[in-house]
Protein backbone atom coordinates (compact mmCIF):
# COMPACT_ATOMS: atom_id res chain seq x y z
CA MET A 1 -11.76 6.39 17.79
CA SER A 2 -14.31 8.68 19.43
CA GLU A 3 -17.95 8.96 18.32
CA SER A 4 -17.30 12.54 17.26
CA SER A 5 -14.41 11.41 15.03
CA VAL A 6 -16.56 8.72 13.43
CA GLY A 7 -19.32 11.26 12.78
CA TYR A 8 -16.86 13.71 11.29
CA LEU A 9 -15.40 11.08 8.98
CA GLY A 10 -18.86 10.05 7.85
CA ALA A 11 -19.74 13.63 7.04
CA MET A 12 -16.47 14.12 5.18
CA THR A 13 -17.16 11.02 3.08
CA ALA A 14 -20.63 12.24 2.14
CA VAL A 15 -19.67 15.82 1.22
CA GLU A 16 -17.92 16.62 -2.04
CA LEU A 17 -14.72 18.60 -1.53
CA PRO A 18 -12.67 20.52 -4.08
CA THR A 19 -10.63 18.17 -6.24
CA GLN A 20 -6.91 18.86 -6.36
CA VAL A 21 -4.30 17.54 -8.78
CA ALA A 22 -0.83 16.34 -7.80
CA GLU A 23 2.06 15.55 -10.13
CA PHE A 24 3.31 12.03 -9.43
CA GLY A 25 6.07 11.05 -11.79
CA ASP A 26 4.52 11.44 -15.23
CA LEU A 27 0.98 11.12 -13.87
CA GLN A 28 -1.58 13.72 -12.84
CA ILE A 29 -3.31 12.36 -9.74
CA GLN A 30 -6.69 13.69 -8.60
CA TRP A 31 -7.49 13.71 -4.90
CA ASP A 32 -9.24 15.74 -2.21
CA ALA A 33 -8.92 16.23 1.54
CA ARG A 34 -10.90 13.06 2.32
CA VAL A 35 -7.96 10.92 1.14
CA LEU A 36 -4.25 11.02 1.84
CA ARG A 37 -2.39 13.63 -0.17
CA PRO A 38 0.09 12.04 -2.63
CA ARG A 39 3.61 12.36 -1.22
CA TRP A 40 6.35 13.11 -3.73
CA TRP A 41 8.86 10.81 -2.02
CA THR A 42 6.70 7.74 -2.61
CA THR A 43 7.47 7.85 -6.32
CA ALA A 44 10.61 6.03 -5.12
CA GLN A 45 8.41 3.08 -4.17
CA SER A 46 6.91 3.03 -7.67
CA TYR A 47 10.28 3.20 -9.43
CA TRP A 48 11.80 0.52 -7.19
CA ALA A 49 8.82 -1.79 -7.69
CA ALA A 50 9.00 -1.22 -11.46
CA ASP A 51 12.70 -2.20 -11.48
CA LEU A 52 11.96 -5.36 -9.48
CA ALA A 53 9.06 -6.27 -11.76
CA ALA A 54 11.54 -7.27 -14.47
CA SER A 55 12.56 -10.31 -12.38
CA CYS A 56 9.09 -11.13 -11.01
CA PRO A 57 6.80 -13.89 -12.29
CA GLU A 58 4.14 -12.96 -14.80
CA GLY A 59 0.87 -11.68 -13.44
CA PRO A 60 -0.75 -8.52 -12.17
CA ILE A 61 0.56 -6.08 -9.61
CA LEU A 62 -1.41 -6.02 -6.36
CA GLU A 63 -1.49 -2.72 -4.48
CA LEU A 64 -2.89 -2.87 -0.95
CA CYS A 65 -4.10 0.30 0.85
CA CYS A 66 -3.92 2.12 -2.46
CA GLY A 67 -5.48 5.46 -1.47
CA ALA A 68 -5.95 7.57 -4.61
CA GLY A 69 -3.94 4.94 -6.47
CA GLN A 70 -0.83 6.86 -7.45
CA ILE A 71 1.91 4.43 -6.36
CA GLY A 72 0.45 1.40 -8.08
CA LEU A 73 -0.60 3.38 -11.14
CA LEU A 74 2.88 4.76 -11.72
CA THR A 75 4.34 1.26 -11.32
CA ALA A 76 1.82 -0.20 -13.76
CA SER A 77 2.41 2.56 -16.29
CA LEU A 78 6.15 1.87 -16.18
CA THR A 79 5.81 -1.92 -16.50
CA GLY A 80 2.71 -2.43 -18.63
CA ARG A 81 1.33 -4.94 -16.12
CA PRO A 82 -2.34 -5.01 -15.15
CA LEU A 83 -3.16 -3.87 -11.66
CA ILE A 84 -5.37 -4.87 -8.75
CA GLN A 85 -5.87 -2.08 -6.20
CA VAL A 86 -7.49 -2.44 -2.80
CA ASP A 87 -8.71 0.16 -0.31
CA ARG A 88 -11.43 -0.02 2.33
CA ASP A 89 -12.37 3.65 1.87
CA PRO A 90 -15.01 4.26 -0.82
CA VAL A 91 -13.72 7.76 -1.58
CA ALA A 92 -10.17 6.48 -2.10
CA ALA A 93 -11.44 3.65 -4.30
CA ALA A 94 -13.43 6.11 -6.41
CA TYR A 95 -10.36 8.29 -6.94
CA ALA A 96 -8.23 5.24 -7.76
CA ARG A 97 -10.70 4.29 -10.51
CA ARG A 98 -10.78 7.85 -11.83
CA ASN A 99 -6.99 8.12 -11.83
CA ALA A 100 -6.56 4.73 -13.51
CA ALA A 101 -8.88 5.79 -16.33
CA ALA A 102 -7.02 9.08 -16.77
CA ALA A 103 -3.66 7.27 -16.85
CA GLY A 104 -4.86 4.63 -19.30
CA VAL A 105 -3.98 1.85 -16.85
CA LEU A 106 -6.04 -1.35 -16.59
CA SER A 107 -6.86 -1.50 -12.88
CA ASP A 108 -9.34 -3.67 -11.00
CA VAL A 109 -10.09 -1.41 -8.01
CA ARG A 110 -11.71 -3.23 -5.09
CA GLU A 111 -13.36 -1.42 -2.20
CA ALA A 112 -12.89 -3.95 0.60
CA PRO A 113 -11.02 -4.72 3.83
CA LEU A 114 -7.62 -6.27 3.18
CA GLY A 115 -8.60 -9.76 4.23
CA LEU A 116 -11.67 -9.91 1.97
CA ALA A 117 -10.37 -8.40 -1.25
CA MET A 118 -8.75 -11.39 -2.95
CA GLY A 119 -10.17 -14.68 -4.12
CA GLU A 120 -8.52 -17.75 -2.62
CA ASP A 121 -6.92 -18.85 -5.88
CA GLU A 122 -5.80 -15.43 -7.16
CA ARG A 123 -2.06 -15.05 -7.70
CA VAL A 124 0.07 -12.00 -8.50
CA GLY A 125 3.66 -11.38 -9.48
CA LEU A 126 4.38 -8.25 -7.42
CA VAL A 127 2.83 -6.60 -4.36
CA ILE A 128 2.95 -2.95 -3.30
CA LEU A 129 1.86 -2.34 0.29
CA ASP A 130 1.14 1.22 1.48
CA PRO A 131 -0.50 0.78 4.91
CA PRO A 132 -1.34 3.47 7.45
CA TRP A 133 1.73 3.41 9.71
CA VAL A 134 1.37 6.32 12.17
CA PRO A 135 0.93 5.10 15.78
CA THR A 136 -2.48 6.05 17.13
CA ALA A 137 -0.99 8.28 19.83
CA ARG A 138 0.67 10.43 17.14
CA VAL A 139 -2.09 10.93 14.57
CA GLN A 140 -2.90 14.39 15.96
CA GLU A 141 0.56 15.50 14.78
CA PHE A 142 -0.81 15.34 11.22
CA PRO A 143 -4.01 17.41 11.31
CA GLU A 144 -4.25 17.75 7.51
CA ASP A 145 -4.41 13.99 6.98
CA PRO A 146 -7.58 11.87 7.31
CA ILE A 147 -7.25 9.82 10.49
CA GLU A 148 -8.32 6.53 8.91
CA ALA A 149 -5.68 6.95 6.19
CA ILE A 150 -2.78 7.22 8.63
CA ASP A 151 -3.81 5.48 11.89
CA GLY A 152 -1.82 2.24 12.10
CA GLY A 153 -2.79 1.21 15.61
CA ASN A 154 -0.75 1.08 18.80
CA ASP A 155 2.70 0.70 17.20
CA GLY A 156 1.67 1.68 13.68
CA THR A 157 1.81 -1.84 12.22
CA ASP A 158 -1.78 -3.16 12.42
CA GLN A 159 -2.54 -2.79 8.70
CA LEU A 160 1.06 -3.58 7.77
CA VAL A 161 0.83 -7.01 9.41
CA LEU A 162 -2.57 -7.70 7.84
CA GLY A 163 -1.31 -6.60 4.45
CA LEU A 164 1.77 -8.79 4.64
CA GLY A 165 -0.45 -11.77 5.38
CA VAL A 166 -2.51 -11.08 2.26
CA ALA A 167 0.60 -10.49 0.16
CA MET A 168 2.28 -13.72 1.22
CA ARG A 169 -0.84 -15.78 0.48
CA HIS A 170 -1.22 -14.45 -3.06
CA LEU A 171 2.33 -13.75 -4.29
CA ASP A 172 3.85 -16.33 -6.63
CA PRO A 173 7.33 -17.66 -5.75
CA GLY A 174 10.01 -15.32 -7.08
CA GLY A 175 7.87 -12.24 -6.59
CA HIS A 176 8.56 -9.20 -4.43
CA ILE A 177 6.62 -7.28 -1.78
CA VAL A 178 7.62 -3.60 -1.72
CA ALA A 179 6.24 -2.21 1.53
CA GLN A 180 6.25 1.25 3.07
CA VAL A 181 6.82 1.63 6.82
CA GLY A 182 7.29 4.60 9.09
CA ASP A 183 10.71 4.04 10.66
CA TYR A 184 13.34 1.46 11.60
CA ASP A 185 11.42 0.39 14.70
CA GLN A 186 8.75 -0.90 12.33
CA VAL A 187 11.41 -2.55 10.15
CA THR A 188 12.49 -4.44 13.27
CA ILE A 189 8.89 -5.54 13.87
CA VAL A 190 8.68 -6.84 10.31
CA GLU A 191 11.98 -8.70 10.72
CA ALA A 192 10.70 -10.35 13.90
CA LEU A 193 7.44 -11.30 12.20
CA LEU A 194 9.24 -12.88 9.25
CA ALA A 195 11.65 -14.73 11.55
CA GLY A 196 8.71 -16.16 13.46
CA LEU A 197 7.12 -17.42 10.26
CA GLY A 198 10.32 -19.26 9.33
CA GLY A 199 10.08 -21.81 12.10
CA GLY A 200 7.42 -24.02 10.51
CA ALA A 201 7.13 -26.13 7.38
CA GLY A 202 5.97 -23.24 5.21
CA PRO A 203 8.06 -20.87 3.09
CA ARG A 204 10.66 -18.66 4.70
CA TRP A 205 10.45 -14.91 4.05
CA THR A 206 13.12 -12.27 4.49
CA ILE A 207 13.83 -8.57 3.91
CA ALA A 208 16.10 -8.50 0.86
CA GLU A 209 16.79 -4.76 0.99
CA THR A 210 15.86 -1.64 2.93
CA ARG A 211 15.90 1.90 1.55
CA ASP A 212 15.97 4.91 3.84
CA TYR A 213 13.81 7.95 3.09
CA THR A 214 13.52 9.17 6.67
CA PRO A 215 12.07 11.35 8.03
CA GLU A 216 9.37 10.64 5.44
CA GLY A 217 9.49 6.85 5.71
CA VAL A 218 11.33 3.61 4.92
CA LEU A 219 10.84 1.13 2.08
CA VAL A 220 11.50 -2.60 2.37
CA ASP A 221 11.69 -5.36 -0.24
CA ILE A 222 10.41 -8.68 1.11
CA VAL A 223 10.95 -11.95 -0.73
CA GLN A 224 10.39 -15.65 -0.24
CA GLU A 225 13.59 -17.64 0.13
CA LEU A 226 13.40 -20.23 -2.65
CA GLY A 227 14.63 -23.78 -2.28
CA ARG A 228 12.81 -24.46 1.02
């Protein structure tokens, strides 16, 4: 990222912008142009995660790269589970807290990089992962979106891979990871990553189901294969 981009982002973080409100399922989500605008299609991620929660172990929902918090908050409101939400952006974390209070959802919002947000012994029953997944070379195609909220690195999977690592370390057996990716090329990358992890003595992970919402994105359900 150029020095001018970093300076612009810093200025945007410091300056208050007009708050907007987006309908997200039954929730009213507050946000402004410093964070990623809630996308209507991602309610599908919330509803799918809420359905899967019925078969997950007890424990909180963990949402990684939560932005303004809407996906995790809708899931929590549908399931009644407590919520842990993580985002490295202070503005996003502030909106997530504000939106949780407005929705009446118990959410522990943590402003931190993915790898530093969870205590070693913390365990959850369900993970929602909403990483930036736009390849760096394409971020200029989305001028209305904050760069840091969409830039996923060279192939768009930098934060996805980091987030999966966090999810796998803290998810109890029998839980689900519902992750958002950009396209089927990224699904293939996830499949290759999971296959590579299966060669050792540790647990084996697999994509249980994929749901197609292209051109907006793709959702995947990742689970640990039990009995290994």
